[in-house]
């Protein structure tokens, strides 16, 4: 930790000085809560599935092979025992202090809200919300987890689909517009736990016109050279020291 002690002090100073901070985060924010990034495919994966995760989590695959989709989804996308970590908790605290204006997340686990964050823009939806495709009836995540094969609506018998943006599906235009506005108006943008590889979400960074761009991520990102402050470390570890 010694090697980035100065960077932590600089981050503390930025947080102390500014009152319009926006956080943009990805999978790395939740890995410290025990939720694996599904892109890091392990050896066991190939024994269990015949397709790569990006294929299974596509709209086409969901339509053509819903049974296999839900087998993967229950096994790899639902981590209902996960708890918020230091990053989630610190962001909620900064919002309560009036410093943080919004959390914009690519995650679908609901952990920011569980930590107490109120203004959370979920670019890719949430596993906690599920709707019947026929009648629109809401179903919670336990219903999906405990159902067999393709979950059916208890009201009308229609298929229940997670409110998660699959590959080939568009992002919610209202959420995107709100995210653009928050990023555009921010004095400080903190990017954390994301490789900035997934578009169109990553493109939102282009709307930032503020004073300080902070990047906190273990691996390099395409925006490192633009950052006023770069910390290459796990985000929970960094935020636990703020």
Protein backbone atom coordinates (compact mmCIF):
# COMPACT_ATOMS: atom_id res chain seq x y z
CA UNK A 1 0.00 0.00 0.00
CA UNK A 2 2.97 2.28 0.58
CA UNK A 3 3.53 2.72 -3.14
CA UNK A 4 0.28 4.59 -3.60
CA UNK A 5 0.03 6.38 -0.25
CA UNK A 6 0.61 9.76 -1.94
CA UNK A 7 -2.14 9.01 -4.47
CA UNK A 8 -4.57 8.23 -1.64
CA UNK A 9 -3.74 11.59 -0.03
CA UNK A 10 -4.32 13.33 -3.36
CA UNK A 11 -7.68 11.57 -3.73
CA UNK A 12 -8.64 12.62 -0.21
CA UNK A 13 -7.81 16.23 -1.10
CA UNK A 14 -9.93 16.07 -4.27
CA UNK A 15 -12.90 14.61 -2.39
CA UNK A 16 -12.55 17.27 0.32
CA UNK A 17 -12.40 20.15 -2.17
CA UNK A 18 -15.25 19.32 -4.57
CA UNK A 19 -18.99 18.97 -4.03
CA UNK A 20 -20.13 17.65 -7.42
CA UNK A 21 -18.53 14.23 -7.81
CA UNK A 22 -19.84 11.44 -10.03
CA UNK A 23 -18.71 7.81 -9.88
CA UNK A 24 -18.66 5.52 -12.93
CA UNK A 25 -18.00 1.88 -12.10
CA UNK A 26 -17.91 -1.66 -13.42
CA UNK A 27 -17.36 -5.28 -12.46
CA UNK A 28 -14.23 -4.54 -10.41
CA UNK A 29 -16.36 -2.76 -7.82
CA UNK A 30 -18.17 -6.01 -7.03
CA UNK A 31 -15.36 -8.56 -7.36
CA UNK A 32 -14.28 -7.67 -3.82
CA UNK A 33 -17.78 -8.67 -2.69
CA UNK A 34 -17.15 -12.12 -4.17
CA UNK A 35 -18.97 -11.59 -7.47
CA UNK A 36 -16.66 -12.79 -10.26
CA UNK A 37 -16.35 -10.91 -13.51
CA UNK A 38 -18.00 -13.37 -15.91
CA UNK A 39 -15.43 -12.50 -18.57
CA UNK A 40 -12.74 -14.28 -16.57
CA UNK A 41 -13.65 -17.75 -17.77
CA UNK A 42 -12.11 -20.57 -15.73
CA UNK A 43 -11.30 -24.16 -16.74
CA UNK A 44 -14.48 -25.52 -15.17
CA UNK A 45 -16.48 -23.23 -17.41
CA UNK A 46 -15.67 -25.19 -20.57
CA UNK A 47 -16.80 -28.43 -18.96
CA UNK A 48 -20.20 -26.95 -18.14
CA UNK A 49 -21.05 -24.83 -21.18
CA UNK A 50 -20.71 -25.24 -24.94
CA UNK A 51 -20.76 -21.48 -25.68
CA UNK A 52 -18.78 -18.43 -24.47
CA UNK A 53 -20.59 -16.20 -21.92
CA UNK A 54 -21.06 -13.36 -24.42
CA UNK A 55 -22.99 -15.75 -26.68
CA UNK A 56 -25.20 -17.13 -23.90
CA UNK A 57 -25.95 -13.61 -22.63
CA UNK A 58 -27.17 -12.41 -26.02
CA UNK A 59 -30.73 -11.62 -27.03
CA UNK A 60 -30.58 -14.16 -29.86
CA UNK A 61 -29.45 -16.96 -27.54
CA UNK A 62 -32.08 -16.04 -24.94
CA UNK A 63 -34.80 -16.38 -27.61
CA UNK A 64 -33.46 -19.56 -29.22
CA UNK A 65 -32.28 -21.46 -26.17
CA UNK A 66 -33.98 -20.09 -23.03
CA UNK A 67 -33.38 -23.26 -20.99
CA UNK A 68 -29.60 -23.07 -21.44
CA UNK A 69 -29.70 -19.29 -20.90
CA UNK A 70 -31.37 -19.70 -17.50
CA UNK A 71 -29.06 -22.56 -16.51
CA UNK A 72 -26.10 -20.22 -17.05
CA UNK A 73 -27.90 -17.19 -15.57
CA UNK A 74 -28.77 -18.90 -12.27
CA UNK A 75 -25.30 -20.40 -11.95
CA UNK A 76 -23.13 -17.46 -13.02
CA UNK A 77 -25.12 -14.24 -12.64
CA UNK A 78 -26.97 -14.56 -9.33
CA UNK A 79 -24.95 -13.98 -6.16
CA UNK A 80 -27.69 -13.21 -3.68
CA UNK A 81 -25.52 -13.62 -0.59
CA UNK A 82 -23.00 -10.98 -1.70
CA UNK A 83 -22.66 -7.96 0.59
CA UNK A 84 -21.52 -4.40 -0.22
CA UNK A 85 -17.78 -3.79 0.24
CA UNK A 86 -15.77 -0.72 1.28
CA UNK A 87 -16.22 0.92 -2.15
CA UNK A 88 -20.02 0.62 -2.09
CA UNK A 89 -20.16 1.88 1.51
CA UNK A 90 -17.85 4.87 0.93
CA UNK A 91 -19.83 5.98 -2.14
CA UNK A 92 -23.07 5.87 -0.13
CA UNK A 93 -21.37 7.89 2.61
CA UNK A 94 -20.14 10.52 0.12
CA UNK A 95 -23.68 10.84 -1.27
CA UNK A 96 -25.08 11.28 2.24
CA UNK A 97 -22.54 14.08 2.77
CA UNK A 98 -23.83 15.81 -0.37
CA UNK A 99 -20.55 15.39 -2.28
CA UNK A 100 -21.43 12.54 -4.62
CA UNK A 101 -24.28 13.33 -7.02
CA UNK A 102 -24.67 9.94 -8.73
CA UNK A 103 -23.34 6.42 -9.09
CA UNK A 104 -23.39 5.24 -12.69
CA UNK A 105 -22.82 1.49 -12.78
CA UNK A 106 -22.46 -1.25 -15.35
CA UNK A 107 -23.17 -3.81 -12.61
CA UNK A 108 -26.49 -5.60 -12.23
CA UNK A 109 -26.19 -6.80 -8.63
CA UNK A 110 -27.95 -4.00 -6.70
CA UNK A 111 -25.09 -3.69 -4.18
CA UNK A 112 -24.86 0.11 -4.43
CA UNK A 113 -28.48 0.40 -3.27
CA UNK A 114 -27.87 -2.25 -0.60
CA UNK A 115 -25.07 -0.02 0.76
CA UNK A 116 -27.45 2.96 0.93
CA UNK A 117 -26.79 4.81 -2.34
CA UNK A 118 -29.95 6.52 -3.61
CA UNK A 119 -29.06 8.00 -6.99
CA UNK A 120 -27.90 4.91 -8.86
CA UNK A 121 -28.10 4.72 -12.64
CA UNK A 122 -27.96 1.06 -13.71
CA UNK A 123 -26.82 1.11 -17.33
CA UNK A 124 -27.23 -2.65 -17.76
CA UNK A 125 -30.29 -3.20 -15.57
CA UNK A 126 -30.60 -5.34 -12.44
CA UNK A 127 -31.03 -9.02 -11.57
CA UNK A 128 -33.36 -7.88 -8.77
CA UNK A 129 -36.07 -6.91 -11.27
CA UNK A 130 -37.82 -9.42 -13.51
CA UNK A 131 -40.95 -8.96 -15.60
CA UNK A 132 -43.39 -11.20 -17.42
CA UNK A 133 -43.00 -10.61 -21.16
CA UNK A 134 -46.72 -11.15 -21.65
CA UNK A 135 -48.49 -9.21 -18.86
CA UNK A 136 -45.67 -7.19 -17.28
CA UNK A 137 -46.08 -8.70 -13.79
CA UNK A 138 -43.04 -8.06 -11.54
CA UNK A 139 -41.17 -11.02 -10.05
CA UNK A 140 -38.32 -10.79 -7.55
CA UNK A 141 -34.95 -12.46 -7.96
CA UNK A 142 -35.78 -15.33 -5.58
CA UNK A 143 -38.60 -16.31 -7.91
CA UNK A 144 -36.10 -16.68 -10.76
CA UNK A 145 -33.61 -18.54 -8.62
CA UNK A 146 -36.14 -21.01 -7.24
CA UNK A 147 -38.04 -21.66 -10.48
CA UNK A 148 -37.15 -24.60 -12.69
CA UNK A 149 -36.04 -24.28 -16.32
CA UNK A 150 -37.61 -21.18 -17.94
CA UNK A 151 -39.46 -19.18 -15.25
CA UNK A 152 -43.16 -18.71 -15.98
CA UNK A 153 -45.44 -15.96 -14.68
CA UNK A 154 -47.70 -17.14 -11.85
CA UNK A 155 -50.36 -14.73 -13.10
CA UNK A 156 -50.60 -15.50 -16.83
CA UNK A 157 -48.05 -18.22 -17.64
CA UNK A 158 -45.88 -15.99 -19.83
CA UNK A 159 -42.08 -16.15 -19.78
CA UNK A 160 -40.38 -14.03 -17.11
CA UNK A 161 -37.33 -12.10 -18.35
CA UNK A 162 -34.69 -10.50 -16.14
CA UNK A 163 -34.52 -6.70 -16.43
CA UNK A 164 -30.92 -7.02 -17.60
CA UNK A 165 -29.55 -5.61 -20.85
CA UNK A 166 -28.35 -8.55 -22.94
CA UNK A 167 -25.84 -8.34 -25.78
CA UNK A 168 -27.61 -7.05 -28.94
CA UNK A 169 -30.12 -5.10 -26.82
CA UNK A 170 -30.09 -1.30 -26.54
CA UNK A 171 -29.52 0.54 -23.28
CA UNK A 172 -32.42 2.40 -21.71
CA UNK A 173 -32.46 5.85 -23.34
CA UNK A 174 -33.66 7.66 -20.19
CA UNK A 175 -30.88 6.14 -18.08
CA UNK A 176 -28.30 7.04 -20.74
CA UNK A 177 -29.56 10.64 -20.96
CA UNK A 178 -29.43 11.03 -17.18
CA UNK A 179 -25.92 9.54 -17.08
CA UNK A 180 -24.72 11.95 -19.78
CA UNK A 181 -26.13 14.90 -17.81
CA UNK A 182 -24.56 13.86 -14.49
CA UNK A 183 -21.16 13.27 -16.14
CA UNK A 184 -21.32 16.50 -18.14
CA UNK A 185 -22.15 18.58 -15.05
CA UNK A 186 -19.64 16.92 -12.71
CA UNK A 187 -16.57 18.71 -11.35
CA UNK A 188 -14.91 15.35 -10.62
CA UNK A 189 -15.42 12.02 -12.36
CA UNK A 190 -14.09 8.94 -10.59
CA UNK A 191 -13.87 5.88 -12.83
CA UNK A 192 -13.45 2.69 -10.82
CA UNK A 193 -13.32 -1.05 -11.33
CA UNK A 194 -13.88 -1.00 -15.07
CA UNK A 195 -11.67 -1.69 -18.08
CA UNK A 196 -13.84 0.72 -20.11
CA UNK A 197 -14.13 -1.94 -22.80
CA UNK A 198 -17.93 -2.20 -23.00
CA UNK A 199 -19.72 0.22 -25.30
CA UNK A 200 -21.90 2.26 -25.44
CA UNK A 201 -21.46 2.60 -21.64
CA UNK A 202 -17.74 3.46 -21.86
CA UNK A 203 -18.50 6.21 -24.36
CA UNK A 204 -20.26 8.20 -21.64
CA UNK A 205 -16.84 9.29 -20.37
CA UNK A 206 -16.57 11.58 -23.40
CA UNK A 207 -19.21 13.88 -21.88
CA UNK A 208 -16.98 14.81 -18.93
CA UNK A 209 -15.83 18.44 -19.06
CA UNK A 210 -14.95 18.95 -15.40
CA UNK A 211 -11.76 19.60 -13.41
CA UNK A 212 -10.49 16.21 -12.24
CA UNK A 213 -10.61 12.79 -13.86
CA UNK A 214 -9.67 10.00 -11.44
CA UNK A 215 -9.10 6.41 -12.63
CA UNK A 216 -8.90 3.57 -10.09
CA UNK A 217 -8.49 0.12 -11.63
CA UNK A 218 -6.15 -2.84 -11.22
CA UNK A 219 -5.51 -3.19 -14.96
CA UNK A 220 -4.74 -0.44 -17.49
CA UNK A 221 -7.68 1.35 -19.18
CA UNK A 222 -7.88 3.41 -22.41
CA UNK A 223 -8.33 6.56 -20.27
CA UNK A 224 -5.23 6.22 -18.06
CA UNK A 225 -3.29 8.83 -20.02
CA UNK A 226 -6.13 11.35 -19.60
CA UNK A 227 -6.39 10.88 -15.83
CA UNK A 228 -5.38 13.67 -13.44
CA UNK A 229 -4.97 10.91 -10.85
CA UNK A 230 -4.35 7.23 -11.66
CA UNK A 231 -4.37 4.53 -8.98
CA UNK A 232 -3.76 0.97 -10.16
CA UNK A 233 -5.19 -0.98 -7.24
CA UNK A 234 -8.43 -2.71 -6.17
CA UNK A 235 -11.06 -0.05 -5.62
CA UNK A 236 -12.35 -1.42 -2.31
CA UNK A 237 -8.81 -1.33 -0.96
CA UNK A 238 -8.44 2.31 -2.07
CA UNK A 239 -11.83 3.48 -0.78
CA UNK A 240 -11.31 1.81 2.60
CA UNK A 241 -8.50 4.34 3.18
CA UNK A 242 -10.52 7.46 2.36
